[in-house]
N, C-alpha and C. Protein backbone atom coordinates (compact mmCIF):
# COMPACT_ATOMS: atom_id res chain seq x y z
N MET A 1 -20.00 15.67 32.06
CA MET A 1 -19.03 14.66 31.60
C MET A 1 -19.87 14.05 30.20
N THR A 2 -19.02 14.01 29.28
CA THR A 2 -19.46 13.51 27.95
C THR A 2 -19.28 12.13 27.71
N PRO A 3 -20.31 11.23 27.54
CA PRO A 3 -19.91 9.76 27.19
C PRO A 3 -18.92 9.73 26.03
N GLN A 4 -18.12 8.78 26.11
CA GLN A 4 -17.16 8.62 25.05
C GLN A 4 -17.10 6.89 24.48
N LEU A 5 -17.13 6.68 23.60
CA LEU A 5 -17.00 5.39 23.01
C LEU A 5 -15.42 5.24 23.05
N MET A 6 -15.00 3.99 23.72
CA MET A 6 -13.71 3.55 23.81
C MET A 6 -13.58 2.03 24.00
N VAL A 7 -12.48 1.47 23.80
CA VAL A 7 -12.09 0.21 24.09
C VAL A 7 -11.72 0.34 25.70
N GLN A 8 -12.25 -0.74 26.39
CA GLN A 8 -11.96 -0.74 27.71
C GLN A 8 -10.65 -0.89 27.94
N PRO A 9 -9.99 0.07 28.76
CA PRO A 9 -8.52 -0.14 28.98
C PRO A 9 -7.95 -1.47 29.58
N SER A 10 -9.09 -1.92 30.36
CA SER A 10 -8.69 -3.23 31.02
C SER A 10 -8.25 -4.49 29.77
N LEU A 11 -8.98 -4.28 28.83
CA LEU A 11 -8.80 -5.13 27.71
C LEU A 11 -7.57 -5.13 27.22
N LEU A 12 -6.78 -4.03 27.35
CA LEU A 12 -5.42 -3.77 26.75
C LEU A 12 -4.38 -4.28 27.80
N MET A 13 -4.54 -4.61 29.01
CA MET A 13 -3.76 -4.81 30.02
C MET A 13 -2.99 -6.26 29.79
N HIS A 14 -3.62 -7.24 29.29
CA HIS A 14 -3.00 -8.56 29.37
C HIS A 14 -1.99 -8.67 28.28
N SER A 15 -2.02 -7.88 27.11
CA SER A 15 -0.96 -8.14 26.14
C SER A 15 -0.23 -6.82 25.99
N GLY A 16 -0.59 -5.63 26.53
CA GLY A 16 0.00 -4.35 26.16
C GLY A 16 0.82 -3.73 27.29
N ILE A 17 0.81 -4.39 28.53
CA ILE A 17 1.52 -3.92 29.59
C ILE A 17 2.70 -4.67 30.03
N GLN A 18 3.70 -3.82 30.41
CA GLN A 18 4.75 -4.51 31.28
C GLN A 18 5.14 -3.69 32.41
N VAL A 19 5.87 -4.31 33.45
CA VAL A 19 6.49 -3.43 34.44
C VAL A 19 7.91 -3.51 34.31
N ALA A 20 8.42 -2.24 34.36
CA ALA A 20 9.88 -2.22 34.15
C ALA A 20 10.55 -1.50 35.30
N PRO A 21 11.78 -2.01 35.74
CA PRO A 21 12.37 -1.45 36.84
C PRO A 21 13.04 -0.03 36.53
N VAL A 22 12.83 0.79 37.47
CA VAL A 22 13.54 2.21 37.41
C VAL A 22 14.03 2.42 38.71
N GLY A 23 15.46 2.36 38.95
CA GLY A 23 15.87 2.50 40.23
C GLY A 23 15.52 1.35 41.06
N ASP A 24 14.96 1.87 42.28
CA ASP A 24 14.71 0.80 43.21
C ASP A 24 13.14 0.32 43.37
N PHE A 25 12.38 0.87 42.30
CA PHE A 25 11.02 0.54 42.17
C PHE A 25 10.52 0.27 40.73
N MET A 26 9.36 -0.29 40.50
CA MET A 26 8.83 -0.54 39.26
C MET A 26 7.94 0.48 38.61
N LEU A 27 7.68 0.43 37.37
CA LEU A 27 6.79 1.52 36.78
C LEU A 27 6.05 0.59 35.83
N PHE A 28 4.91 1.05 35.51
CA PHE A 28 3.98 0.39 34.52
C PHE A 28 4.24 1.13 33.21
N ARG A 29 4.56 0.38 32.16
CA ARG A 29 4.66 0.97 30.75
C ARG A 29 4.12 -0.13 29.78
N PHE A 30 3.87 0.66 28.51
CA PHE A 30 3.34 0.04 27.38
C PHE A 30 4.28 -1.04 26.69
N THR A 31 4.02 -2.18 26.21
CA THR A 31 4.90 -2.86 25.54
C THR A 31 5.33 -2.31 24.14
N GLU A 32 6.25 -2.81 23.61
CA GLU A 32 6.69 -2.04 22.25
C GLU A 32 5.55 -2.08 21.33
N GLN A 33 4.74 -3.02 21.14
CA GLN A 33 3.73 -3.31 20.24
C GLN A 33 2.54 -2.29 20.47
N LEU A 34 2.14 -2.12 21.87
CA LEU A 34 1.17 -1.23 22.27
C LEU A 34 1.61 0.21 21.98
N GLN A 35 2.66 0.53 22.42
CA GLN A 35 3.34 1.90 22.08
C GLN A 35 3.33 2.20 20.44
N GLN A 36 3.68 1.32 19.77
CA GLN A 36 3.70 1.55 18.22
C GLN A 36 2.37 1.77 17.71
N ARG A 37 1.29 0.92 18.10
CA ARG A 37 0.03 1.01 17.83
C ARG A 37 -0.55 2.42 18.24
N SER A 38 -0.26 2.89 19.47
CA SER A 38 -0.67 4.13 19.96
C SER A 38 -0.18 5.23 19.00
N GLU A 39 1.10 5.21 18.65
CA GLU A 39 1.75 6.31 17.75
C GLU A 39 1.08 6.31 16.31
N GLN A 40 0.82 4.95 15.85
CA GLN A 40 0.10 4.87 14.48
C GLN A 40 -1.25 5.43 14.47
N LEU A 41 -2.03 5.08 15.55
CA LEU A 41 -3.37 5.69 15.66
C LEU A 41 -3.15 7.28 15.86
N THR A 42 -2.29 7.68 16.67
CA THR A 42 -2.26 9.12 16.79
C THR A 42 -1.89 9.84 15.51
N GLU A 43 -1.03 9.32 14.73
CA GLU A 43 -0.49 9.74 13.27
C GLU A 43 -1.87 9.91 12.52
N ARG A 44 -2.65 8.83 12.54
CA ARG A 44 -3.88 8.75 11.79
C ARG A 44 -4.96 9.77 12.30
N ASP A 45 -4.89 10.01 13.44
CA ASP A 45 -6.03 10.91 14.24
C ASP A 45 -5.50 12.42 13.63
N GLN A 46 -4.27 12.65 13.50
CA GLN A 46 -3.74 13.94 13.22
C GLN A 46 -4.23 14.23 11.52
N THR A 47 -4.36 13.17 10.79
CA THR A 47 -4.77 13.38 9.49
C THR A 47 -6.16 13.13 9.25
N ALA A 48 -6.87 12.97 10.34
CA ALA A 48 -8.39 12.69 10.37
C ALA A 48 -8.71 11.27 9.42
N ALA A 49 -7.77 10.46 9.64
CA ALA A 49 -8.12 9.24 8.86
C ALA A 49 -8.52 8.17 9.80
N LEU A 50 -8.85 8.40 11.01
CA LEU A 50 -9.33 7.20 11.99
C LEU A 50 -10.75 6.84 11.67
N THR A 51 -10.87 5.49 11.63
CA THR A 51 -12.16 4.99 11.75
C THR A 51 -12.88 5.14 12.97
N ALA A 52 -14.10 4.79 13.16
CA ALA A 52 -14.98 4.82 14.39
C ALA A 52 -14.20 3.79 15.25
N GLU A 53 -13.84 2.64 14.84
CA GLU A 53 -13.18 1.59 15.78
C GLU A 53 -11.79 2.01 16.06
N GLU A 54 -11.07 2.75 15.31
CA GLU A 54 -9.78 3.13 15.51
C GLU A 54 -9.88 4.15 16.64
N ALA A 55 -10.92 5.00 16.59
CA ALA A 55 -10.81 6.18 17.52
C ALA A 55 -11.36 5.65 18.75
N ALA A 56 -12.08 4.63 18.81
CA ALA A 56 -12.41 3.88 20.25
C ALA A 56 -11.09 3.32 20.65
N GLU A 57 -10.37 2.62 19.91
CA GLU A 57 -9.04 2.10 20.35
C GLU A 57 -8.10 3.24 20.84
N LEU A 58 -7.93 4.17 20.20
CA LEU A 58 -7.07 5.23 20.65
C LEU A 58 -7.61 5.89 21.97
N ALA A 59 -8.85 6.10 22.07
CA ALA A 59 -9.39 6.49 23.41
C ALA A 59 -9.10 5.60 24.48
N GLY A 60 -9.30 4.33 24.28
CA GLY A 60 -8.86 3.61 25.40
C GLY A 60 -7.42 3.44 25.85
N ILE A 61 -6.56 3.54 24.75
CA ILE A 61 -5.18 3.51 24.88
C ILE A 61 -4.80 4.74 25.71
N SER A 62 -5.39 5.99 25.30
CA SER A 62 -4.99 7.18 25.94
C SER A 62 -5.57 6.84 27.35
N GLU A 63 -6.57 6.45 27.80
CA GLU A 63 -7.02 6.43 28.85
C GLU A 63 -6.20 5.69 29.86
N LEU A 64 -5.68 4.56 29.50
CA LEU A 64 -4.89 3.73 30.07
C LEU A 64 -3.46 4.23 30.34
N SER A 65 -3.16 5.13 29.33
CA SER A 65 -1.87 5.98 29.69
C SER A 65 -1.98 7.04 30.59
N ARG A 66 -3.26 7.61 30.68
CA ARG A 66 -3.48 8.66 31.87
C ARG A 66 -3.47 7.87 33.24
N ILE A 67 -4.03 6.72 33.33
CA ILE A 67 -4.09 5.94 34.38
C ILE A 67 -2.60 5.54 34.95
N PHE A 68 -1.86 5.15 33.92
CA PHE A 68 -0.44 4.68 34.30
C PHE A 68 0.38 6.02 34.67
N THR A 69 0.03 7.10 34.14
CA THR A 69 0.80 8.36 34.43
C THR A 69 0.61 8.63 35.93
N PHE A 70 -0.76 8.60 36.32
CA PHE A 70 -1.22 8.69 37.77
C PHE A 70 -0.48 7.75 38.57
N ILE A 71 -0.69 6.48 38.35
CA ILE A 71 -0.13 5.28 39.24
C ILE A 71 1.51 5.54 39.28
N ASN A 72 2.10 5.73 38.31
CA ASN A 72 3.60 6.03 38.31
C ASN A 72 3.90 7.22 38.94
N ALA A 73 3.34 8.34 38.87
CA ALA A 73 3.64 9.49 39.76
C ALA A 73 3.42 9.15 41.07
N GLN A 74 2.45 8.40 41.55
CA GLN A 74 2.45 8.02 43.04
C GLN A 74 3.33 6.92 43.32
N LEU A 75 3.82 6.17 42.51
CA LEU A 75 4.90 5.19 42.90
C LEU A 75 6.15 6.01 43.04
N ALA A 76 6.50 6.91 42.13
CA ALA A 76 7.72 7.82 42.20
C ALA A 76 7.74 8.51 43.39
N SER A 77 6.58 9.02 43.61
CA SER A 77 6.60 10.13 44.95
C SER A 77 6.84 9.20 46.27
N GLN A 78 6.69 8.21 46.29
CA GLN A 78 6.70 7.25 47.49
C GLN A 78 8.01 6.65 47.56
N ALA A 79 8.85 6.59 46.36
CA ALA A 79 10.09 6.09 46.35
C ALA A 79 11.19 6.92 46.98
N LYS A 80 12.13 6.39 47.59
CA LYS A 80 13.39 7.24 47.86
C LYS A 80 14.35 7.15 46.87
N TRP A 81 14.17 7.21 45.69
CA TRP A 81 15.15 7.11 44.49
C TRP A 81 14.90 8.31 43.61
N CYS A 82 15.91 8.84 43.17
CA CYS A 82 15.98 10.00 42.23
C CYS A 82 17.12 9.72 41.26
N PRO A 83 16.86 9.93 39.93
CA PRO A 83 17.88 9.61 39.08
C PRO A 83 19.07 10.55 39.03
N SER A 84 20.20 10.23 38.92
CA SER A 84 21.28 10.99 39.06
C SER A 84 21.64 11.52 37.64
N ALA A 85 21.28 10.70 36.66
CA ALA A 85 21.71 11.03 35.35
C ALA A 85 20.50 11.05 34.45
N ILE A 86 19.65 12.11 34.25
CA ILE A 86 18.52 12.22 33.33
C ILE A 86 18.86 11.78 31.95
N ASP A 87 20.12 12.11 31.63
CA ASP A 87 20.62 11.95 30.32
C ASP A 87 20.28 10.53 29.68
N ASP A 88 20.38 9.55 30.56
CA ASP A 88 20.20 8.13 30.27
C ASP A 88 18.66 7.80 29.89
N TRP A 89 17.64 8.62 30.33
CA TRP A 89 16.22 8.51 30.03
C TRP A 89 15.93 8.76 28.64
N TYR A 90 16.77 9.78 28.23
CA TYR A 90 16.23 10.22 26.79
C TYR A 90 17.55 10.34 26.13
N ASP A 91 18.26 9.35 25.60
CA ASP A 91 19.51 9.36 25.01
C ASP A 91 19.55 10.13 23.72
N SER A 92 18.39 10.25 22.93
CA SER A 92 18.28 11.09 21.80
C SER A 92 18.05 12.53 21.90
N GLU A 93 17.53 12.85 23.19
CA GLU A 93 17.14 14.26 23.45
C GLU A 93 18.39 14.99 24.03
N PRO A 94 18.44 16.31 23.46
CA PRO A 94 19.52 16.97 24.05
C PRO A 94 19.34 17.37 25.51
N ASN A 95 20.44 17.53 26.21
CA ASN A 95 20.28 17.79 27.59
C ASN A 95 19.87 19.24 27.97
N SER A 96 18.68 19.20 28.37
CA SER A 96 17.96 20.46 28.56
C SER A 96 17.16 20.54 29.92
N ALA A 97 17.23 19.31 30.74
CA ALA A 97 16.72 19.17 31.88
C ALA A 97 17.37 20.00 33.10
N ALA A 98 16.46 20.48 34.04
CA ALA A 98 16.95 21.13 35.21
C ALA A 98 16.13 20.46 36.30
N ASN A 99 16.85 20.13 37.38
CA ASN A 99 16.13 19.47 38.42
C ASN A 99 15.67 20.78 39.47
N THR A 100 14.51 20.64 39.75
CA THR A 100 13.72 21.80 40.57
C THR A 100 13.30 21.27 41.63
N VAL A 101 13.24 19.91 41.86
CA VAL A 101 12.49 19.43 43.09
C VAL A 101 13.54 19.57 44.23
N THR A 102 12.87 19.70 45.41
CA THR A 102 13.61 19.71 46.54
C THR A 102 12.98 18.52 47.42
N PRO A 103 13.94 17.65 47.74
CA PRO A 103 13.46 16.33 48.44
C PRO A 103 12.88 16.79 49.94
N PRO A 104 11.71 16.01 50.33
CA PRO A 104 11.21 16.30 51.61
C PRO A 104 12.35 16.09 52.77
N ASN A 105 12.02 16.92 53.82
CA ASN A 105 12.84 16.66 55.08
C ASN A 105 12.50 15.29 55.79
N ILE A 106 13.33 14.29 55.67
CA ILE A 106 13.02 12.90 56.40
C ILE A 106 13.64 12.88 57.63
């Protein structure tokens, strides 16, 4: 494991996190401000224009995103809810989704 300089993800939680309802359970999400900051830093990273401080901030945001992805996947797998209209999730995206999940026998 290679050590990495990053902003501690816990420092971002007080102002950058929200809990949003999805069906009958809640998911952790970034606030609009933190999402925009993540996108700004990612764009700057793609042009190699990040400062060391910005790189540490992006690393912390990315780690928090990975944590949320894991937690949200666990919450979703425990829920007895499945969206009936995936189109609502991505209003601007073309409908190319296919449901390949088979619910467990309960």
